[in-house]
N, C-alpha and C. Protein backbone atom coordinates (compact mmCIF):
# COMPACT_ATOMS: atom_id res chain seq x y z
N PRO A 1 -6.84 33.67 7.91
CA PRO A 1 -6.44 32.30 8.23
C PRO A 1 -5.22 31.87 7.39
N ASP A 2 -4.43 30.99 7.94
CA ASP A 2 -3.20 30.54 7.27
C ASP A 2 -3.46 29.97 5.89
N HIS A 3 -4.55 29.21 5.72
CA HIS A 3 -4.78 28.58 4.43
C HIS A 3 -5.15 29.59 3.34
N MET A 4 -5.44 30.82 3.71
CA MET A 4 -5.79 31.82 2.71
C MET A 4 -4.62 32.76 2.39
N VAL A 5 -3.50 32.60 3.08
CA VAL A 5 -2.33 33.42 2.80
C VAL A 5 -1.66 32.87 1.55
N PRO A 6 -1.39 33.73 0.56
CA PRO A 6 -0.79 33.23 -0.68
C PRO A 6 0.62 32.66 -0.44
N THR A 7 0.95 31.65 -1.24
CA THR A 7 2.27 31.04 -1.14
C THR A 7 3.34 31.95 -1.72
N TYR A 8 3.03 32.59 -2.83
CA TYR A 8 3.97 33.47 -3.51
C TYR A 8 3.34 34.84 -3.72
N LEU A 9 4.17 35.87 -3.68
CA LEU A 9 3.74 37.22 -4.01
C LEU A 9 4.63 37.74 -5.13
N THR A 10 4.02 38.30 -6.15
CA THR A 10 4.77 38.88 -7.26
C THR A 10 4.37 40.34 -7.39
N PRO A 11 5.25 41.26 -7.00
CA PRO A 11 4.90 42.68 -7.12
C PRO A 11 4.86 43.11 -8.59
N LEU A 12 3.85 43.91 -8.93
CA LEU A 12 3.70 44.43 -10.28
C LEU A 12 3.51 45.94 -10.20
N ASP A 13 4.01 46.65 -11.21
CA ASP A 13 3.79 48.09 -11.26
C ASP A 13 2.32 48.39 -11.51
N ARG A 14 1.71 47.59 -12.38
CA ARG A 14 0.28 47.73 -12.65
C ARG A 14 -0.23 46.40 -13.18
N LEU A 15 -1.51 46.16 -13.01
CA LEU A 15 -2.12 44.92 -13.47
C LEU A 15 -2.43 45.01 -14.96
N PRO A 16 -2.18 43.93 -15.71
CA PRO A 16 -2.53 43.95 -17.14
C PRO A 16 -4.05 43.92 -17.29
N LEU A 17 -4.56 44.71 -18.21
CA LEU A 17 -6.00 44.81 -18.40
C LEU A 17 -6.40 44.35 -19.80
N THR A 18 -7.63 43.86 -19.91
CA THR A 18 -8.20 43.50 -21.21
C THR A 18 -8.74 44.79 -21.84
N PRO A 19 -9.12 44.74 -23.12
CA PRO A 19 -9.70 45.93 -23.74
C PRO A 19 -10.97 46.44 -23.03
N ASN A 20 -11.62 45.55 -22.27
CA ASN A 20 -12.83 45.95 -21.53
C ASN A 20 -12.51 46.55 -20.16
N GLY A 21 -11.23 46.62 -19.80
CA GLY A 21 -10.84 47.20 -18.52
C GLY A 21 -10.80 46.22 -17.36
N LYS A 22 -10.98 44.92 -17.64
CA LYS A 22 -10.91 43.91 -16.58
C LYS A 22 -9.48 43.37 -16.51
N ILE A 23 -9.16 42.73 -15.38
CA ILE A 23 -7.82 42.17 -15.22
C ILE A 23 -7.64 41.01 -16.19
N ASP A 24 -6.54 41.07 -16.97
CA ASP A 24 -6.23 40.01 -17.94
C ASP A 24 -5.42 38.94 -17.22
N LYS A 25 -6.10 37.91 -16.73
CA LYS A 25 -5.45 36.86 -15.94
C LYS A 25 -4.41 36.09 -16.74
N ARG A 26 -4.63 35.96 -18.05
CA ARG A 26 -3.67 35.22 -18.89
C ARG A 26 -2.36 35.99 -19.08
N ALA A 27 -2.39 37.29 -18.90
CA ALA A 27 -1.19 38.10 -19.09
C ALA A 27 -0.39 38.26 -17.79
N LEU A 28 -0.90 37.75 -16.68
CA LEU A 28 -0.18 37.84 -15.42
C LEU A 28 1.05 36.95 -15.45
N PRO A 29 2.17 37.40 -14.89
CA PRO A 29 3.38 36.55 -14.89
C PRO A 29 3.22 35.40 -13.90
N GLU A 30 3.97 34.33 -14.15
CA GLU A 30 3.99 33.19 -13.23
C GLU A 30 4.65 33.63 -11.93
N PRO A 31 4.13 33.21 -10.78
CA PRO A 31 4.77 33.60 -9.52
C PRO A 31 6.13 32.94 -9.38
N ALA A 32 7.05 33.68 -8.81
CA ALA A 32 8.41 33.17 -8.60
C ALA A 32 8.48 32.52 -7.23
N ALA A 33 9.08 31.36 -7.16
CA ALA A 33 9.22 30.66 -5.88
C ALA A 33 10.18 31.41 -4.97
N ALA A 34 9.93 31.27 -3.69
CA ALA A 34 10.81 31.91 -2.71
C ALA A 34 12.19 31.26 -2.76
N ILE A 35 13.21 32.08 -2.61
CA ILE A 35 14.59 31.57 -2.62
C ILE A 35 14.90 31.00 -1.25
N SER A 36 15.47 29.82 -1.26
CA SER A 36 15.78 29.13 -0.02
C SER A 36 17.15 29.55 0.49
N HIS A 37 17.25 29.76 1.80
CA HIS A 37 18.53 30.08 2.42
C HIS A 37 18.80 29.16 3.60
N GLY A 38 18.24 27.96 3.56
CA GLY A 38 18.37 27.03 4.67
C GLY A 38 19.66 26.21 4.59
N ARG A 39 19.73 25.22 5.47
CA ARG A 39 20.91 24.37 5.55
C ARG A 39 20.96 23.35 4.42
N ALA A 40 22.16 22.96 4.08
CA ALA A 40 22.38 21.91 3.08
C ALA A 40 22.18 20.55 3.75
N PRO A 41 21.88 19.51 2.96
CA PRO A 41 21.71 18.17 3.54
C PRO A 41 22.97 17.71 4.27
N ARG A 42 22.76 17.05 5.42
CA ARG A 42 23.87 16.59 6.24
C ARG A 42 24.18 15.12 6.05
N ASN A 43 23.25 14.39 5.43
CA ASN A 43 23.45 12.95 5.22
C ASN A 43 22.70 12.52 3.97
N PRO A 44 22.93 11.31 3.49
CA PRO A 44 22.28 10.85 2.25
C PRO A 44 20.74 10.84 2.32
N LEU A 45 20.18 10.53 3.49
CA LEU A 45 18.73 10.51 3.63
C LEU A 45 18.14 11.91 3.44
N GLU A 46 18.73 12.90 4.08
CA GLU A 46 18.26 14.28 3.92
C GLU A 46 18.43 14.75 2.48
N GLU A 47 19.51 14.35 1.85
CA GLU A 47 19.75 14.73 0.45
C GLU A 47 18.68 14.11 -0.45
N ALA A 48 18.37 12.85 -0.22
CA ALA A 48 17.33 12.18 -1.02
C ALA A 48 15.97 12.82 -0.80
N LEU A 49 15.64 13.11 0.45
CA LEU A 49 14.35 13.73 0.76
C LEU A 49 14.24 15.13 0.16
N ALA A 50 15.30 15.92 0.24
CA ALA A 50 15.28 17.27 -0.35
C ALA A 50 15.05 17.17 -1.85
N GLY A 51 15.67 16.19 -2.49
CA GLY A 51 15.47 15.99 -3.92
C GLY A 51 14.04 15.55 -4.24
N LEU A 52 13.48 14.67 -3.42
CA LEU A 52 12.10 14.23 -3.63
C LEU A 52 11.10 15.36 -3.38
N PHE A 53 11.37 16.21 -2.38
CA PHE A 53 10.53 17.38 -2.14
C PHE A 53 10.54 18.26 -3.38
N ALA A 54 11.75 18.57 -3.89
CA ALA A 54 11.87 19.46 -5.05
C ALA A 54 11.19 18.84 -6.27
N ARG A 55 11.38 17.55 -6.48
CA ARG A 55 10.76 16.87 -7.63
C ARG A 55 9.24 16.91 -7.53
N THR A 56 8.71 16.64 -6.36
CA THR A 56 7.26 16.63 -6.17
C THR A 56 6.67 18.02 -6.35
N LEU A 57 7.38 19.04 -5.86
CA LEU A 57 6.88 20.41 -5.94
C LEU A 57 7.17 21.06 -7.29
N GLY A 58 7.98 20.42 -8.11
CA GLY A 58 8.34 21.00 -9.40
C GLY A 58 9.27 22.19 -9.25
N ALA A 59 10.07 22.20 -8.17
CA ALA A 59 10.99 23.30 -7.92
C ALA A 59 12.14 23.25 -8.90
N GLU A 60 12.51 24.41 -9.41
CA GLU A 60 13.61 24.49 -10.38
C GLU A 60 14.97 24.36 -9.70
N SER A 61 15.04 24.80 -8.45
CA SER A 61 16.31 24.69 -7.72
C SER A 61 16.14 23.74 -6.54
N ALA A 62 17.25 23.31 -6.00
CA ALA A 62 17.22 22.38 -4.88
C ALA A 62 16.66 23.09 -3.64
N LEU A 63 15.99 22.33 -2.81
CA LEU A 63 15.45 22.86 -1.56
C LEU A 63 16.41 22.52 -0.44
N SER A 64 16.40 23.34 0.60
CA SER A 64 17.23 23.04 1.76
C SER A 64 16.48 22.07 2.67
N ILE A 65 17.16 21.60 3.69
CA ILE A 65 16.51 20.66 4.60
C ILE A 65 15.56 21.36 5.55
N ASP A 66 15.55 22.69 5.53
CA ASP A 66 14.65 23.47 6.40
C ASP A 66 13.44 24.01 5.65
N ASP A 67 13.35 23.74 4.36
CA ASP A 67 12.22 24.25 3.56
C ASP A 67 10.96 23.45 3.86
N ASN A 68 9.91 24.17 4.20
CA ASN A 68 8.63 23.57 4.53
C ASN A 68 7.89 23.21 3.25
N PHE A 69 7.46 21.98 3.15
CA PHE A 69 6.75 21.47 1.97
C PHE A 69 5.55 22.35 1.63
N PHE A 70 4.82 22.79 2.63
CA PHE A 70 3.59 23.55 2.40
C PHE A 70 3.85 25.01 2.11
N HIS A 71 5.01 25.54 2.49
CA HIS A 71 5.35 26.92 2.17
C HIS A 71 5.81 27.06 0.73
N HIS A 72 6.10 25.96 0.08
CA HIS A 72 6.54 25.98 -1.31
C HIS A 72 5.45 25.47 -2.26
N GLY A 73 4.21 25.56 -1.84
CA GLY A 73 3.10 25.20 -2.71
C GLY A 73 2.57 23.79 -2.52
N GLY A 74 3.06 23.07 -1.54
CA GLY A 74 2.58 21.71 -1.29
C GLY A 74 1.18 21.72 -0.70
N HIS A 75 0.46 20.66 -0.95
CA HIS A 75 -0.88 20.46 -0.39
C HIS A 75 -1.09 18.97 -0.21
N SER A 76 -2.25 18.59 0.25
CA SER A 76 -2.47 17.18 0.61
C SER A 76 -2.30 16.23 -0.57
N LEU A 77 -2.74 16.62 -1.76
CA LEU A 77 -2.58 15.73 -2.92
C LEU A 77 -1.11 15.57 -3.30
N LEU A 78 -0.36 16.66 -3.26
CA LEU A 78 1.08 16.54 -3.51
C LEU A 78 1.76 15.78 -2.38
N GLY A 79 1.23 15.90 -1.16
CA GLY A 79 1.75 15.13 -0.04
C GLY A 79 1.60 13.63 -0.28
N ALA A 80 0.44 13.24 -0.84
CA ALA A 80 0.23 11.83 -1.18
C ALA A 80 1.21 11.38 -2.26
N ARG A 81 1.44 12.25 -3.23
CA ARG A 81 2.41 11.93 -4.28
C ARG A 81 3.82 11.80 -3.69
N LEU A 82 4.15 12.68 -2.74
CA LEU A 82 5.46 12.60 -2.09
C LEU A 82 5.62 11.29 -1.33
N THR A 83 4.58 10.86 -0.63
CA THR A 83 4.69 9.58 0.09
C THR A 83 4.92 8.43 -0.88
N ASN A 84 4.33 8.50 -2.07
CA ASN A 84 4.57 7.46 -3.08
C ASN A 84 6.01 7.50 -3.58
N HIS A 85 6.53 8.70 -3.84
CA HIS A 85 7.92 8.82 -4.28
C HIS A 85 8.87 8.28 -3.21
N ILE A 86 8.57 8.57 -1.94
CA ILE A 86 9.42 8.09 -0.84
C ILE A 86 9.34 6.56 -0.76
N ALA A 87 8.16 6.00 -0.94
CA ALA A 87 8.00 4.54 -0.88
C ALA A 87 8.81 3.86 -1.97
N VAL A 88 8.77 4.42 -3.18
CA VAL A 88 9.50 3.82 -4.30
C VAL A 88 11.00 4.01 -4.14
N SER A 89 11.43 5.23 -3.79
CA SER A 89 12.86 5.53 -3.73
C SER A 89 13.56 5.00 -2.48
N LEU A 90 12.90 5.11 -1.33
CA LEU A 90 13.55 4.78 -0.07
C LEU A 90 12.99 3.54 0.61
N ASN A 91 11.95 2.94 0.01
CA ASN A 91 11.31 1.76 0.57
C ASN A 91 10.81 2.00 2.00
N VAL A 92 10.18 3.17 2.19
CA VAL A 92 9.61 3.54 3.49
C VAL A 92 8.16 3.92 3.26
N ARG A 93 7.27 3.31 3.99
CA ARG A 93 5.84 3.60 3.87
C ARG A 93 5.45 4.69 4.86
N LEU A 94 5.02 5.83 4.34
CA LEU A 94 4.57 6.94 5.17
C LEU A 94 3.13 7.27 4.81
N THR A 95 2.50 8.06 5.65
CA THR A 95 1.16 8.55 5.37
C THR A 95 1.23 10.05 5.11
N VAL A 96 0.15 10.58 4.58
CA VAL A 96 0.10 12.03 4.36
C VAL A 96 0.18 12.75 5.71
N ARG A 97 -0.37 12.14 6.74
CA ARG A 97 -0.27 12.72 8.08
C ARG A 97 1.19 12.91 8.49
N ASP A 98 2.06 11.96 8.12
CA ASP A 98 3.49 12.10 8.43
C ASP A 98 4.07 13.35 7.76
N ILE A 99 3.61 13.65 6.55
CA ILE A 99 4.10 14.84 5.84
C ILE A 99 3.60 16.10 6.55
N PHE A 100 2.35 16.10 7.00
CA PHE A 100 1.83 17.26 7.73
C PHE A 100 2.55 17.45 9.05
N GLU A 101 2.88 16.38 9.74
CA GLU A 101 3.53 16.48 11.05
C GLU A 101 5.03 16.75 10.93
N HIS A 102 5.64 16.38 9.81
CA HIS A 102 7.08 16.55 9.60
C HIS A 102 7.28 17.17 8.21
N PRO A 103 6.99 18.48 8.03
CA PRO A 103 6.94 19.07 6.69
C PRO A 103 8.27 19.49 6.08
N THR A 104 9.38 19.28 6.76
CA THR A 104 10.69 19.62 6.18
C THR A 104 11.50 18.35 5.98
N PRO A 105 12.44 18.36 5.03
CA PRO A 105 13.28 17.17 4.85
C PRO A 105 14.02 16.77 6.12
N ALA A 106 14.47 17.75 6.91
CA ALA A 106 15.22 17.43 8.14
C ALA A 106 14.32 16.70 9.14
N ARG A 107 13.12 17.23 9.37
CA ARG A 107 12.22 16.60 10.34
C ARG A 107 11.72 15.25 9.84
N LEU A 108 11.47 15.15 8.53
CA LEU A 108 11.01 13.87 7.98
C LEU A 108 12.12 12.82 8.06
N ALA A 109 13.37 13.24 7.85
CA ALA A 109 14.50 12.31 7.96
C ALA A 109 14.62 11.79 9.39
N GLU A 110 14.43 12.68 10.37
CA GLU A 110 14.46 12.26 11.77
C GLU A 110 13.34 11.25 12.05
N HIS A 111 12.16 11.52 11.50
CA HIS A 111 11.02 10.63 11.69
C HIS A 111 11.28 9.25 11.06
N ILE A 112 11.81 9.25 9.86
CA ILE A 112 12.11 7.98 9.17
C ILE A 112 13.17 7.20 9.93
N THR A 113 14.20 7.90 10.42
CA THR A 113 15.24 7.24 11.21
C THR A 113 14.66 6.62 12.48
N ALA A 114 13.75 7.37 13.12
CA ALA A 114 13.10 6.84 14.33
C ALA A 114 12.24 5.62 14.00
N LEU A 115 11.57 5.64 12.86
CA LEU A 115 10.75 4.49 12.47
C LEU A 115 11.62 3.26 12.21
N LYS A 116 12.77 3.48 11.61
CA LYS A 116 13.65 2.35 11.29
C LYS A 116 14.34 1.79 12.52
N THR A 117 14.69 2.65 13.48
CA THR A 117 15.41 2.16 14.66
C THR A 117 14.48 1.54 15.69
N ALA A 118 13.28 2.09 15.85
CA ALA A 118 12.32 1.54 16.81
C ALA A 118 10.97 1.41 16.13
N PRO A 119 10.82 0.41 15.27
CA PRO A 119 9.55 0.30 14.54
C PRO A 119 8.38 0.00 15.46
N ALA A 120 7.47 0.94 15.51
CA ALA A 120 6.25 0.75 16.30
C ALA A 120 5.20 0.13 15.41
N PRO A 121 4.66 -1.00 15.80
CA PRO A 121 3.65 -1.63 14.95
C PRO A 121 2.40 -0.74 14.87
N ARG A 122 1.93 -0.55 13.66
CA ARG A 122 0.71 0.24 13.47
C ARG A 122 -0.49 -0.66 13.69
N LYS A 123 -1.43 -0.15 14.43
CA LYS A 123 -2.62 -0.93 14.75
C LYS A 123 -3.49 -1.05 13.50
N ALA A 124 -3.80 -2.26 13.14
CA ALA A 124 -4.63 -2.50 11.95
C ALA A 124 -6.08 -2.19 12.27
N ARG A 125 -6.75 -1.61 11.32
CA ARG A 125 -8.17 -1.33 11.49
C ARG A 125 -8.97 -2.60 11.22
N PRO A 126 -10.10 -2.75 11.88
CA PRO A 126 -10.91 -3.94 11.62
C PRO A 126 -11.45 -3.91 10.19
N ALA A 127 -11.64 -5.09 9.65
CA ALA A 127 -12.15 -5.20 8.28
C ALA A 127 -13.57 -4.65 8.20
N LEU A 128 -13.90 -4.06 7.07
CA LEU A 128 -15.25 -3.56 6.87
C LEU A 128 -16.19 -4.73 6.65
N ARG A 129 -17.38 -4.60 7.17
CA ARG A 129 -18.37 -5.64 6.94
C ARG A 129 -19.72 -4.98 6.69
N ARG A 130 -20.54 -5.67 5.99
CA ARG A 130 -21.85 -5.15 5.66
C ARG A 130 -22.77 -5.26 6.87
N ARG A 131 -23.53 -4.21 7.11
CA ARG A 131 -24.46 -4.20 8.24
C ARG A 131 -25.89 -4.22 7.72
N THR A 132 -26.76 -4.75 8.53
CA THR A 132 -28.18 -4.72 8.17
C THR A 132 -28.73 -3.35 8.55
N GLU A 133 -29.85 -2.99 7.98
CA GLU A 133 -30.44 -1.69 8.27
C GLU A 133 -30.83 -1.55 9.73
N THR A 134 -31.18 -2.63 10.37
CA THR A 134 -31.65 -2.55 11.75
C THR A 134 -30.50 -2.63 12.76
N GLU A 135 -29.31 -3.00 12.32
CA GLU A 135 -28.18 -3.14 13.22
C GLU A 135 -27.67 -1.75 13.62
N ARG A 136 -27.44 -1.57 14.88
CA ARG A 136 -26.99 -0.28 15.41
C ARG A 136 -25.47 -0.14 15.21
N ILE A 137 -25.07 1.06 14.83
CA ILE A 137 -23.64 1.34 14.63
C ILE A 137 -23.09 1.89 15.93
N SER A 138 -22.01 1.28 16.43
CA SER A 138 -21.41 1.76 17.67
C SER A 138 -19.99 2.20 17.37
N SER A 139 -19.50 3.12 18.17
CA SER A 139 -18.14 3.64 17.97
C SER A 139 -17.13 2.72 18.55
């Protein structure tokens, strides 16, 4: 399954072992991030998003606009952090679902532009209320 495929692979000549012959996990090298060969940002929004992606992921080098957030070690918690960074920096409110549906800076920039040009009102959920034990819950 996709979720079990490692994000990074680091080839080793041999695994470091402890004196007992077990793998010494502390002696393993840190995995190296994949080198990006994608497109450079085409506008200020894509540039800002690529920077926020790199900042959130802790990437040492800049990411391209085609780099997938989840292919560089992103997950749902980092996605939530990214939405917060975007809200503070760009004053745009996104959900983690938006990050899953638009995982590259280019696609997310297109989504944000579409939100700004044709803002679709989000349907508010009804307020929570306390129910009695005998009251039936309906969908």
